[in-house]
């Protein structure tokens, strides 16, 4: 049996989150409801900054993890840059207060028109491969950067492992050599280089290994091509524990390993004026939110099935990857979690399980379930499948409740369809 999970901002009796009564939040905003703690978001950003405190590192928040505009604007005001995956994410970052120079886009498979618009907005692009650069060769951006596949990757699941074998992202060292040669031929004078190996990694040793390979590739490209990299973007992937038996990432050790490798090459004369960039998303926002859902049904047959007013339409990570999210019940402490239960939603699919055979209290219809780690890849991956609404979203910021997104309704879900 797992040890109880201590969750930031959540009281032991599961009555209070971020200083607010869960009962009051549900009465005021109804379920399903995502509640964010801006305090926790800021703490997570500060922890990364402190880990890299002695080194010239710039943090770019991966907006794909959560694109709530209020949160994005707050993160930007904290002095954090933005990692964007496409043109729309670039535009959101600009609307949220980011300067073009504080955004780097790392798209894949965009059209020439989209790539050109990103470039015209003054945003640097990490091209996935030379073919994407060719689409805008006549309007080549000031800085050209390519995404490297270092040959190894790691993620919590195969679906979020983005380097190594059988992935769609990035290019090899040899392909990069040709790509940068072509960029120079087209007139490029400034260069960057990027890597992203996977998501939600909890092992500092992997960052030690992957960063060393990346810096080695970058140094060889720099020497062979006679180019200096303005920036080296090592991506994100900093993980968070989703289960009680998972240990948090030692971010200080991780930072030490990365900078140890960087300094090894720096002492050899490489990367003299190179800025190092990180792209954390999940690490910043995952444990800064909870998802509240009401128990709408209890079925006792061969086993107990607890039905909620949210499911895979909101939390697709669980059926998509086999992900785990801890579930608590408001008002109950850990000592009464004794009844084996499955937890499901309202979607007409048998994959609509949020948990199998977990221990819960002896709950009743109307009790409120608290789903942890709801900040990253929950709202941003939610859908209206079965015409089910997406949750409302409230941010707790300096004691204030800010409703940043209302519940979707049938009218809002059908907006844009022709009658």
Protein backbone atom coordinates (compact mmCIF):
# COMPACT_ATOMS: atom_id res chain seq x y z
CA UNK A 1 0.00 0.00 0.00
CA UNK A 2 1.36 3.42 -1.00
CA UNK A 3 2.32 6.04 1.54
CA UNK A 4 0.06 9.12 1.67
CA UNK A 5 1.01 11.76 -0.86
CA UNK A 6 1.79 15.19 0.58
CA UNK A 7 0.52 17.70 -1.95
CA UNK A 8 1.46 21.39 -2.01
CA UNK A 9 -1.23 23.76 -0.69
CA UNK A 10 -3.68 20.93 0.15
CA UNK A 11 -4.55 20.45 3.83
CA UNK A 12 -4.24 16.98 5.41
CA UNK A 13 -8.02 16.70 5.78
CA UNK A 14 -8.47 17.78 2.14
CA UNK A 15 -10.73 20.67 3.12
CA UNK A 16 -8.48 23.58 2.16
CA UNK A 17 -6.53 24.32 -1.01
CA UNK A 18 -4.34 27.40 -1.45
CA UNK A 19 -5.98 28.90 1.61
CA UNK A 20 -9.52 28.44 0.26
CA UNK A 21 -12.32 26.16 1.40
CA UNK A 22 -12.92 23.47 -1.20
CA UNK A 23 -16.59 23.35 -0.24
CA UNK A 24 -16.90 27.09 -0.82
CA UNK A 25 -15.10 26.88 -4.17
CA UNK A 26 -17.46 24.14 -5.35
CA UNK A 27 -20.55 26.01 -4.14
CA UNK A 28 -19.43 29.17 -5.91
CA UNK A 29 -18.02 27.81 -9.19
CA UNK A 30 -19.45 24.26 -9.42
CA UNK A 31 -17.71 21.18 -10.77
CA UNK A 32 -15.76 20.17 -12.72
CA UNK A 33 -13.34 22.89 -11.65
CA UNK A 34 -9.58 23.33 -11.93
CA UNK A 35 -8.08 25.45 -9.16
CA UNK A 36 -4.56 26.83 -9.55
CA UNK A 37 -2.17 28.21 -6.96
CA UNK A 38 -0.12 31.09 -8.34
CA UNK A 39 2.01 30.88 -5.21
CA UNK A 40 3.05 27.33 -6.06
CA UNK A 41 3.79 28.26 -9.69
CA UNK A 42 6.11 31.02 -8.51
CA UNK A 43 7.78 28.66 -6.03
CA UNK A 44 8.48 26.15 -8.80
CA UNK A 45 10.02 28.80 -11.05
CA UNK A 46 12.13 30.09 -8.16
CA UNK A 47 13.38 26.57 -7.40
CA UNK A 48 14.72 26.19 -10.93
CA UNK A 49 16.34 29.63 -10.82
CA UNK A 50 17.99 28.83 -7.50
CA UNK A 51 19.28 25.49 -8.81
CA UNK A 52 20.97 27.26 -11.72
CA UNK A 53 21.75 30.37 -9.70
CA UNK A 54 25.50 30.35 -10.44
CA UNK A 55 25.04 29.85 -14.17
CA UNK A 56 23.80 32.05 -17.07
CA UNK A 57 20.59 30.14 -17.78
CA UNK A 58 17.32 31.50 -19.17
CA UNK A 59 13.98 29.78 -18.44
CA UNK A 60 11.36 29.52 -21.21
CA UNK A 61 7.98 28.22 -20.01
CA UNK A 62 6.56 25.52 -22.31
CA UNK A 63 3.14 27.02 -22.96
CA UNK A 64 1.79 23.76 -24.40
CA UNK A 65 1.60 22.40 -20.86
CA UNK A 66 -1.04 24.99 -19.96
CA UNK A 67 -2.06 27.98 -22.05
CA UNK A 68 -4.40 29.71 -19.58
CA UNK A 69 -3.75 33.35 -20.63
CA UNK A 70 -3.91 34.72 -17.08
CA UNK A 71 -1.28 32.23 -15.92
CA UNK A 72 0.88 32.74 -19.00
CA UNK A 73 0.88 36.51 -18.49
CA UNK A 74 1.79 36.08 -14.81
CA UNK A 75 4.66 33.74 -15.69
CA UNK A 76 5.94 36.20 -18.29
CA UNK A 77 5.78 39.04 -15.77
CA UNK A 78 8.00 36.88 -13.55
CA UNK A 79 10.77 37.38 -16.14
CA UNK A 80 10.28 34.01 -17.82
CA UNK A 81 10.49 33.49 -21.58
CA UNK A 82 8.22 31.27 -23.66
CA UNK A 83 8.68 28.01 -25.55
CA UNK A 84 6.01 27.89 -28.27
CA UNK A 85 5.07 24.87 -30.37
CA UNK A 86 3.30 26.68 -33.20
CA UNK A 87 2.06 30.04 -34.52
CA UNK A 88 -0.96 30.23 -32.20
CA UNK A 89 1.20 29.70 -29.14
CA UNK A 90 3.53 32.45 -30.38
CA UNK A 91 0.57 34.80 -30.75
CA UNK A 92 -0.70 33.93 -27.27
CA UNK A 93 2.72 34.70 -25.80
CA UNK A 94 2.78 38.09 -27.53
CA UNK A 95 -0.75 38.89 -26.39
CA UNK A 96 0.27 37.90 -22.86
CA UNK A 97 3.11 40.40 -22.77
CA UNK A 98 6.15 38.51 -24.04
CA UNK A 99 8.63 40.29 -26.28
CA UNK A 100 9.50 38.50 -29.55
CA UNK A 101 13.09 38.16 -28.30
CA UNK A 102 11.83 36.21 -25.28
CA UNK A 103 10.02 33.59 -27.38
CA UNK A 104 11.51 30.62 -29.21
CA UNK A 105 9.24 28.52 -31.40
CA UNK A 106 9.96 24.82 -31.87
CA UNK A 107 7.28 23.68 -34.33
CA UNK A 108 7.08 20.63 -36.53
CA UNK A 109 5.28 20.20 -39.84
CA UNK A 110 4.11 23.81 -40.13
CA UNK A 111 3.33 25.33 -43.52
CA UNK A 112 5.63 27.85 -45.14
CA UNK A 113 3.05 30.57 -44.47
CA UNK A 114 2.97 29.78 -40.75
CA UNK A 115 6.75 29.65 -40.48
CA UNK A 116 7.09 32.91 -42.36
CA UNK A 117 4.61 34.64 -40.06
CA UNK A 118 6.48 33.45 -36.96
CA UNK A 119 9.71 34.77 -38.43
CA UNK A 120 8.12 38.09 -39.45
CA UNK A 121 6.93 38.52 -35.85
CA UNK A 122 10.60 38.53 -34.84
CA UNK A 123 10.50 35.12 -33.11
CA UNK A 124 13.40 32.69 -33.46
CA UNK A 125 12.55 29.24 -34.84
CA UNK A 126 14.11 25.91 -33.93
CA UNK A 127 13.58 24.19 -37.28
CA UNK A 128 12.78 20.49 -37.02
CA UNK A 129 14.76 19.77 -40.18
CA UNK A 130 16.26 21.48 -43.22
CA UNK A 131 13.10 20.97 -45.27
CA UNK A 132 11.20 23.28 -42.95
CA UNK A 133 13.89 25.95 -43.35
CA UNK A 134 13.70 25.59 -47.14
CA UNK A 135 10.05 26.70 -47.04
CA UNK A 136 11.15 30.21 -46.04
CA UNK A 137 14.63 30.35 -47.57
CA UNK A 138 13.76 33.61 -49.33
CA UNK A 139 12.89 35.21 -45.98
CA UNK A 140 15.35 33.45 -43.75
CA UNK A 141 15.23 34.70 -40.13
CA UNK A 142 18.22 36.43 -38.61
CA UNK A 143 19.05 33.39 -36.45
CA UNK A 144 18.78 29.82 -37.74
CA UNK A 145 18.51 26.94 -35.29
CA UNK A 146 17.85 23.23 -35.72
CA UNK A 147 16.44 20.60 -33.39
CA UNK A 148 18.92 17.80 -32.70
CA UNK A 149 18.01 14.21 -31.97
CA UNK A 150 20.95 13.14 -29.78
CA UNK A 151 20.17 9.46 -30.27
CA UNK A 152 18.80 8.89 -26.78
CA UNK A 153 15.48 9.80 -25.24
CA UNK A 154 13.56 9.26 -22.03
CA UNK A 155 10.06 10.03 -20.84
CA UNK A 156 7.55 8.79 -18.31
CA UNK A 157 5.78 7.07 -21.22
CA UNK A 158 6.70 6.15 -24.80
CA UNK A 159 4.25 8.75 -26.10
CA UNK A 160 6.16 11.58 -24.43
CA UNK A 161 9.64 10.36 -25.33
CA UNK A 162 10.79 12.73 -28.07
CA UNK A 163 14.31 11.63 -29.02
CA UNK A 164 16.14 8.39 -29.76
CA UNK A 165 14.77 5.78 -32.16
CA UNK A 166 11.39 5.89 -33.88
CA UNK A 167 10.48 9.49 -33.07
CA UNK A 168 9.27 12.17 -35.44
CA UNK A 169 11.37 14.98 -34.00
CA UNK A 170 14.78 16.40 -34.85
CA UNK A 171 17.78 15.46 -36.95
CA UNK A 172 21.03 13.57 -36.45
CA UNK A 173 24.44 15.18 -36.11
CA UNK A 174 25.28 14.40 -39.75
CA UNK A 175 21.98 15.82 -40.97
CA UNK A 176 22.57 18.89 -38.82
CA UNK A 177 26.01 19.38 -40.39
CA UNK A 178 24.39 19.60 -43.83
CA UNK A 179 21.51 21.75 -42.56
CA UNK A 180 23.78 24.39 -41.02
CA UNK A 181 25.98 24.39 -44.15
CA UNK A 182 22.88 25.11 -46.21
CA UNK A 183 21.79 27.86 -43.83
CA UNK A 184 25.22 29.50 -44.16
CA UNK A 185 24.94 29.28 -47.93
CA UNK A 186 21.58 31.05 -47.74
CA UNK A 187 23.19 33.88 -45.78
CA UNK A 188 22.52 33.00 -42.15
CA UNK A 189 25.01 34.63 -39.79
CA UNK A 190 23.61 33.77 -36.34
CA UNK A 191 22.86 30.29 -35.10
CA UNK A 192 21.19 28.38 -32.31
CA UNK A 193 20.81 24.69 -31.51
CA UNK A 194 18.04 22.81 -29.73
CA UNK A 195 17.32 19.44 -28.12
CA UNK A 196 14.26 17.96 -26.40
CA UNK A 197 14.53 14.33 -25.36
CA UNK A 198 11.32 13.63 -23.47
CA UNK A 199 8.93 14.66 -20.74
CA UNK A 200 8.56 14.05 -16.99
CA UNK A 201 11.98 12.57 -16.28
CA UNK A 202 12.86 12.10 -12.59
CA UNK A 203 16.41 10.78 -13.00
CA UNK A 204 19.19 13.42 -12.79
CA UNK A 205 21.62 10.96 -14.39
CA UNK A 206 19.68 11.09 -17.64
CA UNK A 207 20.13 14.86 -17.86
CA UNK A 208 23.83 14.33 -17.20
CA UNK A 209 24.08 11.87 -20.11
CA UNK A 210 21.85 13.69 -22.59
CA UNK A 211 23.34 17.14 -22.00
CA UNK A 212 26.87 15.78 -22.47
CA UNK A 213 25.92 14.26 -25.82
CA UNK A 214 24.20 17.49 -26.84
CA UNK A 215 27.14 19.71 -25.92
CA UNK A 216 29.48 17.31 -27.70
CA UNK A 217 27.41 17.50 -30.88
CA UNK A 218 27.21 21.30 -30.63
CA UNK A 219 30.96 21.63 -30.13
CA UNK A 220 31.69 19.42 -33.14
CA UNK A 221 29.30 21.41 -35.32
CA UNK A 222 30.82 24.66 -34.09
CA UNK A 223 34.37 23.49 -34.85
CA UNK A 224 33.65 21.88 -38.21
CA UNK A 225 31.46 24.69 -39.55
CA UNK A 226 33.22 27.64 -37.96
CA UNK A 227 30.07 28.91 -36.27
CA UNK A 228 29.35 30.16 -32.77
CA UNK A 229 25.97 29.35 -31.26
CA UNK A 230 24.12 32.38 -29.87
CA UNK A 231 22.02 30.03 -27.78
CA UNK A 232 21.84 26.37 -26.86
CA UNK A 233 18.35 25.22 -25.93
CA UNK A 234 18.50 21.95 -23.98
CA UNK A 235 14.70 21.62 -23.75
CA UNK A 236 12.76 20.64 -20.67
CA UNK A 237 11.66 17.27 -19.39
CA UNK A 238 12.02 18.00 -15.68
CA UNK A 239 9.57 15.59 -14.08
CA UNK A 240 7.21 15.72 -11.13
CA UNK A 241 6.09 12.76 -9.00
CA UNK A 242 2.55 11.62 -9.79
CA UNK A 243 2.57 8.69 -7.36
CA UNK A 244 3.33 8.54 -3.63
CA UNK A 245 6.23 6.14 -4.20
CA UNK A 246 7.93 8.40 -6.78
CA UNK A 247 10.73 10.63 -5.51
CA UNK A 248 10.87 14.26 -6.67
CA UNK A 249 13.51 15.22 -9.20
CA UNK A 250 16.65 16.50 -7.46
CA UNK A 251 16.74 19.73 -9.46
CA UNK A 252 19.92 20.97 -7.76
CA UNK A 253 21.80 17.81 -8.72
CA UNK A 254 20.31 17.97 -12.22
CA UNK A 255 21.47 21.56 -12.65
CA UNK A 256 24.93 20.63 -11.37
CA UNK A 257 25.27 17.81 -13.89
CA UNK A 258 24.17 20.01 -16.81
CA UNK A 259 26.48 22.85 -15.92
CA UNK A 260 29.38 20.49 -15.20
CA UNK A 261 29.10 19.29 -18.79
CA UNK A 262 28.65 22.80 -20.16
CA UNK A 263 31.73 24.06 -18.32
CA UNK A 264 33.80 21.11 -19.55
CA UNK A 265 33.34 22.29 -23.12
CA UNK A 266 33.52 25.97 -22.17
CA UNK A 267 37.02 25.42 -20.75
CA UNK A 268 38.03 24.01 -24.14
CA UNK A 269 37.08 27.28 -25.80
CA UNK A 270 33.52 26.50 -26.89
CA UNK A 271 30.31 28.44 -26.20
CA UNK A 272 32.13 31.63 -25.13
CA UNK A 273 29.10 33.86 -25.75
CA UNK A 274 26.36 31.24 -25.77
CA UNK A 275 23.14 31.61 -23.77
CA UNK A 276 21.80 28.40 -22.24
CA UNK A 277 18.02 27.98 -22.37
CA UNK A 278 15.71 25.57 -20.48
CA UNK A 279 12.08 24.77 -21.40
CA UNK A 280 10.24 23.53 -18.29
CA UNK A 281 6.47 23.32 -18.48
CA UNK A 282 5.21 20.43 -16.37
CA UNK A 283 7.72 21.20 -13.59
CA UNK A 284 6.37 24.73 -13.28
CA UNK A 285 2.63 24.07 -13.25
CA UNK A 286 1.73 20.39 -12.76
CA UNK A 287 1.56 20.35 -8.96
CA UNK A 288 0.14 23.87 -8.82
CA UNK A 289 -3.44 22.78 -9.46
CA UNK A 290 -6.19 20.38 -8.47
CA UNK A 291 -9.20 19.18 -10.45
CA UNK A 292 -12.42 19.07 -8.44
CA UNK A 293 -15.21 16.73 -9.58
CA UNK A 294 -18.49 15.71 -7.98
CA UNK A 295 -19.41 12.09 -7.35
CA UNK A 296 -22.56 11.51 -9.38
CA UNK A 297 -22.93 7.74 -9.19
CA UNK A 298 -21.93 4.75 -7.06
CA UNK A 299 -22.38 1.30 -8.57
CA UNK A 300 -21.85 -1.81 -6.44
CA UNK A 301 -21.77 -4.99 -8.50
CA UNK A 302 -18.71 -7.21 -8.89
CA UNK A 303 -16.71 -4.22 -7.70
CA UNK A 304 -17.40 -0.62 -6.70
CA UNK A 305 -17.45 1.96 -9.50
CA UNK A 306 -17.44 5.63 -8.55
CA UNK A 307 -18.79 7.90 -11.28
CA UNK A 308 -17.68 11.54 -11.57
CA UNK A 309 -18.85 14.53 -13.58
CA UNK A 310 -15.49 14.56 -15.33
CA UNK A 311 -13.51 11.86 -17.09
CA UNK A 312 -11.23 11.21 -20.04
CA UNK A 313 -12.66 14.25 -21.83
CA UNK A 314 -10.79 16.31 -19.23
CA UNK A 315 -7.98 13.94 -18.29
CA UNK A 316 -7.02 12.18 -21.52
CA UNK A 317 -3.52 11.48 -20.13
CA UNK A 318 -4.83 8.50 -18.18
CA UNK A 319 -6.27 6.40 -21.03
CA UNK A 320 -3.78 7.80 -23.58
CA UNK A 321 -0.55 6.99 -21.71
CA UNK A 322 -1.65 4.92 -18.72
CA UNK A 323 -0.82 7.90 -16.54
CA UNK A 324 -1.58 7.98 -12.81
CA UNK A 325 -3.17 10.87 -10.91
CA UNK A 326 -3.76 10.56 -7.17
CA UNK A 327 -7.41 11.01 -6.13
CA UNK A 328 -8.50 12.31 -2.73
CA UNK A 329 -11.95 13.01 -1.33
CA UNK A 330 -12.69 16.41 0.20
CA UNK A 331 -13.06 16.27 3.98
CA UNK A 332 -11.47 12.85 4.50
CA UNK A 333 -7.99 12.21 5.88
CA UNK A 334 -5.83 9.29 4.78
CA UNK A 335 -6.81 6.94 7.62
CA UNK A 336 -10.24 6.20 6.12
CA UNK A 337 -9.13 5.27 2.60
CA UNK A 338 -10.08 1.61 2.91
CA UNK A 339 -12.62 0.73 0.19
CA UNK A 340 -11.30 -0.65 -3.16
CA UNK A 341 -12.83 1.39 -5.98
CA UNK A 342 -12.67 2.17 -9.69
CA UNK A 343 -13.21 5.77 -10.74
CA UNK A 344 -14.85 6.61 -14.06
CA UNK A 345 -16.35 9.54 -15.93
CA UNK A 346 -19.36 10.17 -18.16
CA UNK A 347 -17.80 9.38 -21.55
CA UNK A 348 -19.33 6.61 -23.65
CA UNK A 349 -16.06 4.64 -23.83
CA UNK A 350 -14.76 1.81 -21.68
CA UNK A 351 -11.40 3.59 -21.61
CA UNK A 352 -13.04 6.30 -19.49
CA UNK A 353 -11.35 5.26 -16.25
CA UNK A 354 -9.48 7.73 -14.06
CA UNK A 355 -8.34 4.99 -11.68
CA UNK A 356 -8.57 1.22 -11.23
CA UNK A 357 -8.75 -0.53 -7.86
CA UNK A 358 -7.65 2.34 -5.64
CA UNK A 359 -8.57 2.80 -1.98
CA UNK A 360 -11.13 5.51 -1.23
CA UNK A 361 -13.34 6.34 1.75
CA UNK A 362 -16.92 5.07 1.96
CA UNK A 363 -18.17 7.96 -0.16
CA UNK A 364 -21.65 9.17 -1.09
CA UNK A 365 -23.14 10.85 -4.13
CA UNK A 366 -22.37 14.55 -3.84
CA UNK A 367 -18.93 14.11 -2.27
CA UNK A 368 -16.14 15.97 -4.09
CA UNK A 369 -13.15 14.16 -5.57
CA UNK A 370 -9.83 16.00 -5.68
CA UNK A 371 -7.57 14.95 -8.55
CA UNK A 372 -3.94 15.96 -8.06
CA UNK A 373 -1.33 17.23 -10.52
CA UNK A 374 -4.00 18.89 -12.64
CA UNK A 375 -1.91 21.83 -13.81
CA UNK A 376 -0.03 20.40 -16.78
CA UNK A 377 -1.54 18.71 -19.84
CA UNK A 378 -5.02 18.59 -18.34
CA UNK A 379 -6.85 21.73 -19.46
CA UNK A 380 -4.61 22.04 -22.52
CA UNK A 381 -5.48 18.50 -23.68
CA UNK A 382 -9.17 18.50 -22.68
CA UNK A 383 -11.90 18.09 -25.29
CA UNK A 384 -15.67 18.28 -25.67
CA UNK A 385 -16.03 14.64 -26.67
CA UNK A 386 -19.65 13.46 -26.21
CA UNK A 387 -20.51 17.19 -26.01
CA UNK A 388 -19.26 17.21 -22.45
CA UNK A 389 -18.11 20.54 -21.12
CA UNK A 390 -14.58 21.47 -20.14
CA UNK A 391 -13.97 22.59 -16.55
CA UNK A 392 -14.12 26.12 -15.27
CA UNK A 393 -10.75 27.44 -14.08
CA UNK A 394 -10.00 29.57 -11.02
CA UNK A 395 -6.59 30.96 -10.09
CA UNK A 396 -5.81 31.74 -6.46
CA UNK A 397 -3.40 34.68 -6.57
CA UNK A 398 -2.36 36.53 -3.41
CA UNK A 399 -5.54 35.41 -1.66
CA UNK A 400 -7.84 36.46 -4.50
CA UNK A 401 -10.01 34.10 -6.57
CA UNK A 402 -9.85 34.91 -10.27
CA UNK A 403 -12.29 33.06 -12.53
CA UNK A 404 -10.22 32.78 -15.69
CA UNK A 405 -12.43 30.38 -17.63
CA UNK A 406 -16.11 29.59 -17.33
CA UNK A 407 -17.68 26.17 -17.83
CA UNK A 408 -18.26 25.45 -21.47
CA UNK A 409 -21.92 25.18 -22.45
CA UNK A 410 -23.74 23.65 -25.38
CA UNK A 411 -23.86 27.09 -27.00
CA UNK A 412 -20.11 27.66 -26.65
CA UNK A 413 -19.34 24.14 -27.81
CA UNK A 414 -21.44 24.61 -30.97
CA UNK A 415 -20.07 28.06 -31.78
CA UNK A 416 -18.66 28.08 -35.28
CA UNK A 417 -20.95 25.41 -36.71
CA UNK A 418 -23.31 26.47 -39.48
CA UNK A 419 -26.99 25.86 -38.85
